[in-house]
Protein backbone atom coordinates (compact mmCIF):
# COMPACT_ATOMS: atom_id res chain seq x y z
CA UNK A 1 58.31 50.77 -11.00
CA UNK A 2 56.94 51.12 -14.47
CA UNK A 3 60.57 51.85 -15.51
CA UNK A 4 62.14 48.60 -13.56
CA UNK A 5 59.64 46.30 -15.72
CA UNK A 6 60.79 47.97 -18.83
CA UNK A 7 64.34 47.35 -18.30
CA UNK A 8 63.81 43.81 -17.05
CA UNK A 9 61.65 42.90 -20.65
CA UNK A 10 64.11 44.49 -22.36
CA UNK A 11 67.42 42.64 -20.95
CA UNK A 12 64.88 39.69 -21.92
CA UNK A 13 64.97 40.76 -25.85
CA UNK A 14 68.38 41.23 -25.73
CA UNK A 15 68.50 37.34 -23.81
CA UNK A 16 66.76 35.86 -27.04
CA UNK A 17 68.16 37.47 -29.55
CA UNK A 18 65.37 39.87 -30.23
CA UNK A 19 65.10 43.18 -31.99
CA UNK A 20 62.24 44.84 -30.49
CA UNK A 21 58.91 44.47 -28.54
CA UNK A 22 57.11 43.51 -31.84
CA UNK A 23 59.21 40.92 -31.98
CA UNK A 24 58.73 39.79 -28.03
CA UNK A 25 55.11 40.11 -28.73
CA UNK A 26 55.40 37.21 -31.70
CA UNK A 27 57.69 35.28 -29.62
CA UNK A 28 54.85 35.40 -26.75
CA UNK A 29 52.70 33.62 -29.24
CA UNK A 30 54.91 30.62 -30.43
CA UNK A 31 56.42 30.16 -27.04
CA UNK A 32 53.08 29.73 -24.45
CA UNK A 33 55.49 29.13 -20.80
CA UNK A 34 57.37 32.66 -21.27
CA UNK A 35 53.80 34.35 -20.10
CA UNK A 36 55.02 33.16 -17.14
CA UNK A 37 58.81 34.80 -17.56
CA UNK A 38 57.05 37.92 -18.08
CA UNK A 39 54.87 38.18 -15.64
CA UNK A 40 57.24 37.66 -12.62
CA UNK A 41 58.99 40.20 -14.70
CA UNK A 42 56.24 43.00 -13.59
CA UNK A 43 56.43 42.11 -9.44
CA UNK A 44 58.15 44.41 -7.78
CA UNK A 45 58.28 43.06 -3.77
CA UNK A 46 58.98 46.38 -1.77
CA UNK A 47 58.18 46.03 1.76
CA UNK A 48 59.03 47.25 5.08
CA UNK A 49 57.83 46.63 8.81
CA UNK A 50 55.14 49.43 9.78
CA UNK A 51 54.74 50.53 6.28
CA UNK A 52 52.91 53.39 5.48
CA UNK A 53 52.82 53.69 9.19
CA UNK A 54 49.65 55.78 10.22
CA UNK A 55 47.40 52.10 8.84
CA UNK A 56 49.43 50.33 11.35
CA UNK A 57 48.37 53.21 14.03
CA UNK A 58 44.71 53.01 12.95
CA UNK A 59 44.67 49.43 12.69
CA UNK A 60 45.75 49.05 16.34
CA UNK A 61 43.86 52.14 17.75
CA UNK A 62 40.50 51.10 16.71
CA UNK A 63 39.85 48.49 14.19
CA UNK A 64 41.46 45.62 15.75
CA UNK A 65 39.99 46.41 19.00
CA UNK A 66 36.77 47.04 17.48
CA UNK A 67 36.95 43.46 15.89
CA UNK A 68 38.04 41.93 19.05
CA UNK A 69 35.10 43.27 21.07
CA UNK A 70 32.60 42.37 18.55
CA UNK A 71 33.80 38.10 18.47
CA UNK A 72 33.90 38.78 22.36
CA UNK A 73 30.39 39.91 22.11
CA UNK A 74 28.94 37.37 19.26
CA UNK A 75 31.30 34.49 19.21
CA UNK A 76 33.08 34.18 22.72
CA UNK A 77 36.40 32.98 21.80
CA UNK A 78 36.46 33.08 18.38
CA UNK A 79 39.96 33.69 16.81
CA UNK A 80 40.61 36.88 14.99
CA UNK A 81 41.58 35.93 11.76
CA UNK A 82 43.47 38.33 9.36
CA UNK A 83 45.08 37.55 5.94
CA UNK A 84 47.79 39.48 3.72
CA UNK A 85 47.63 39.28 0.45
CA UNK A 86 50.41 39.83 -1.77
CA UNK A 87 52.61 39.57 1.77
CA UNK A 88 55.79 39.63 -0.97
CA UNK A 89 59.01 38.93 2.34
CA UNK A 90 56.45 38.82 5.20
CA UNK A 91 57.22 42.06 6.86
CA UNK A 92 53.38 43.17 7.32
CA UNK A 93 52.51 39.57 8.07
CA UNK A 94 54.91 39.80 11.16
CA UNK A 95 54.10 43.45 12.03
CA UNK A 96 50.47 42.27 12.88
CA UNK A 97 51.37 40.02 14.81
CA UNK A 98 53.73 41.91 16.82
CA UNK A 99 51.48 44.70 16.81
CA UNK A 100 48.27 42.20 18.54
CA UNK A 101 51.32 40.47 20.94
CA UNK A 102 52.79 43.67 22.25
CA UNK A 103 49.71 46.37 22.22
CA UNK A 104 46.44 44.15 22.04
CA UNK A 105 46.56 40.57 23.26
CA UNK A 106 46.97 41.69 27.36
CA UNK A 107 43.08 43.68 26.71
CA UNK A 108 41.80 40.50 25.23
CA UNK A 109 43.09 37.34 27.03
CA UNK A 110 40.42 35.71 25.43
CA UNK A 111 40.92 36.08 21.61
CA UNK A 112 43.60 33.84 19.99
CA UNK A 113 45.07 35.68 16.80
CA UNK A 114 45.90 34.41 13.66
CA UNK A 115 47.47 35.73 10.31
CA UNK A 116 48.35 34.40 6.70
CA UNK A 117 50.29 35.78 4.16
CA UNK A 118 49.84 34.91 0.72
CA UNK A 119 52.00 34.97 -2.77
CA UNK A 120 52.81 34.34 -5.93
CA UNK A 121 56.40 34.36 -5.38
CA UNK A 122 58.01 31.00 -4.11
CA UNK A 123 61.08 33.09 -3.63
CA UNK A 124 59.38 35.51 -1.27
CA UNK A 125 57.59 32.94 0.35
CA UNK A 126 60.50 31.36 1.84
CA UNK A 127 62.36 34.57 3.11
CA UNK A 128 59.17 35.24 4.71
CA UNK A 129 59.30 31.49 6.25
CA UNK A 130 62.82 32.22 7.79
CA UNK A 131 61.88 35.70 9.46
CA UNK A 132 65.13 37.37 8.82
CA UNK A 133 65.14 41.47 7.74
CA UNK A 134 68.35 44.07 6.89
CA UNK A 135 68.02 46.41 9.17
CA UNK A 136 66.63 48.62 6.28
CA UNK A 137 63.22 46.99 6.59
CA UNK A 138 63.43 47.72 10.82
CA UNK A 139 63.73 51.91 10.66
CA UNK A 140 60.01 52.08 11.21
CA UNK A 141 58.99 50.03 13.66
CA UNK A 142 58.72 51.52 17.20
CA UNK A 143 61.63 50.89 19.73
CA UNK A 144 59.61 48.65 22.66
CA UNK A 145 58.56 46.03 19.50
CA UNK A 146 61.84 45.77 17.96
CA UNK A 147 63.52 45.55 21.15
CA UNK A 148 60.74 42.80 21.99
CA UNK A 149 60.13 40.84 18.78
CA UNK A 150 63.84 41.03 17.11
CA UNK A 151 67.59 39.24 17.59
CA UNK A 152 70.50 39.73 15.77
CA UNK A 153 72.26 36.92 13.95
CA UNK A 154 75.62 38.54 12.45
CA UNK A 155 73.92 40.84 9.82
CA UNK A 156 70.17 40.50 10.37
CA UNK A 157 67.20 40.95 12.62
CA UNK A 158 65.37 37.60 13.31
CA UNK A 159 61.85 37.56 14.52
CA UNK A 160 61.88 35.88 17.41
CA UNK A 161 59.61 32.41 17.84
CA UNK A 162 56.68 34.10 19.87
CA UNK A 163 55.77 36.65 17.05
CA UNK A 164 55.94 33.89 14.96
CA UNK A 165 53.19 31.55 16.34
CA UNK A 166 49.95 31.32 14.94
CA UNK A 167 51.50 32.76 11.09
CA UNK A 168 51.23 30.92 8.01
CA UNK A 169 52.40 31.45 4.36
CA UNK A 170 51.28 29.99 1.32
CA UNK A 171 52.22 30.09 -2.22
CA UNK A 172 49.68 31.03 -4.19
CA UNK A 173 47.97 33.84 -7.18
CA UNK A 174 45.56 35.81 -6.37
CA UNK A 175 44.57 35.61 -9.50
CA UNK A 176 43.29 32.21 -9.24
CA UNK A 177 42.83 30.98 -5.82
CA UNK A 178 42.36 32.32 -1.83
CA UNK A 179 42.68 31.26 1.45
CA UNK A 180 39.96 29.42 2.91
CA UNK A 181 37.79 32.61 4.89
CA UNK A 182 36.16 34.57 6.24
CA UNK A 183 38.59 36.89 7.51
CA UNK A 184 38.08 40.09 9.58
CA UNK A 185 40.58 42.01 8.57
CA UNK A 186 42.19 41.73 4.94
CA UNK A 187 44.79 44.13 3.99
CA UNK A 188 45.52 43.91 0.28
CA UNK A 189 48.03 46.60 -0.26
CA UNK A 190 49.95 47.78 -3.72
CA UNK A 191 48.42 43.90 -5.54
CA UNK A 192 45.21 44.21 -7.06
CA UNK A 193 44.64 47.96 -7.89
CA UNK A 194 47.86 49.09 -8.58
CA UNK A 195 49.42 46.07 -11.29
CA UNK A 196 46.04 44.45 -12.06
CA UNK A 197 44.35 46.12 -15.37
CA UNK A 198 40.77 47.27 -14.57
CA UNK A 199 38.47 44.69 -15.77
CA UNK A 200 40.30 42.07 -13.45
CA UNK A 201 40.41 44.54 -10.52
CA UNK A 202 36.49 44.20 -10.70
CA UNK A 203 36.16 40.74 -10.98
CA UNK A 204 38.32 40.37 -8.06
CA UNK A 205 37.04 42.80 -5.52
CA UNK A 206 33.60 41.32 -5.05
CA UNK A 207 35.47 38.14 -4.17
CA UNK A 208 37.80 39.95 -1.50
CA UNK A 209 34.39 40.67 0.09
CA UNK A 210 33.53 37.15 -0.17
CA UNK A 211 35.83 36.60 2.09
CA UNK A 212 36.30 39.19 4.57
CA UNK A 213 33.66 38.67 7.43
CA UNK A 214 30.41 40.85 7.76
CA UNK A 215 31.66 43.66 10.11
CA UNK A 216 35.18 43.22 8.90
CA UNK A 217 37.96 45.78 7.69
CA UNK A 218 39.79 46.34 4.03
CA UNK A 219 42.63 47.95 3.97
CA UNK A 220 44.46 48.52 0.41
CA UNK A 221 47.75 50.93 -0.89
CA UNK A 222 47.47 54.10 0.21
CA UNK A 223 47.76 55.09 -3.35
CA UNK A 224 45.27 53.12 -4.24
CA UNK A 225 41.51 53.60 -5.62
CA UNK A 226 39.14 50.40 -5.67
CA UNK A 227 36.73 50.24 -8.36
CA UNK A 228 33.43 52.00 -8.97
CA UNK A 229 30.49 50.37 -6.73
CA UNK A 230 33.30 49.16 -4.52
CA UNK A 231 30.84 45.71 -3.66
CA UNK A 232 28.95 47.40 -0.78
CA UNK A 233 32.26 48.21 1.39
CA UNK A 234 31.95 51.46 3.10
CA UNK A 235 34.95 53.70 3.91
CA UNK A 236 36.38 53.88 6.94
CA UNK A 237 37.53 57.25 8.66
CA UNK A 238 39.25 59.74 6.62
CA UNK A 239 42.55 59.44 5.67
CA UNK A 240 43.55 56.18 5.97
CA UNK A 241 42.42 53.39 2.77
CA UNK A 242 40.38 51.50 4.75
CA UNK A 243 37.07 49.84 3.98
CA UNK A 244 34.67 48.47 6.29
CA UNK A 245 32.07 45.90 5.14
CA UNK A 246 28.27 46.22 6.37
CA UNK A 247 27.48 43.91 9.63
CA UNK A 248 24.76 41.31 8.76
């Protein structure tokens, strides 16, 4: 990923007719609009359905049933709300929708399930709303889910209407705004705790926790670590990057 970013910057330096990174740094000082372009160079959206499959198996087998059961006990028919932060082209969002409808909805018929995906890149949001993907993105999808939730159109596989219900996408920069919560489950994988500086991670983690309902779960990337303190979250289980917020 670092190499990709460096190549993008080198190409931009050549486009501008500059000599080296020092010249580019000076250019940034006198051309503040260039910061937005540089920010875009640092985005590397890698996404596919069922990415890190063990995480989704844990969500389906433990976390989502636990959340649904507690909602039924305490709130009746309140919706189970999920947020996918840094959703890229939407594979994670649709994975959650498919997982719920095929694996869990019959067990909890009175629970409405909704997912919102946010990303800073408008191109990614457009792709997510289109909901059509190359076969390489579906390699990890279980056969029954693939047959139920996708239809082939030319050389793409498109998510069918049933699994696009109660799914929404918004263009948001998580550094500046977050969708209205609280959410019972937040997935923030390979975004804040991979690309942002430690000080910004420490600033944003409490805001994530504020958007998490009591007893809710936060999922981060498989190779990520939370900043020291973890804002009151406790690790859930072993071998999966899932944390739980204490119940009120």
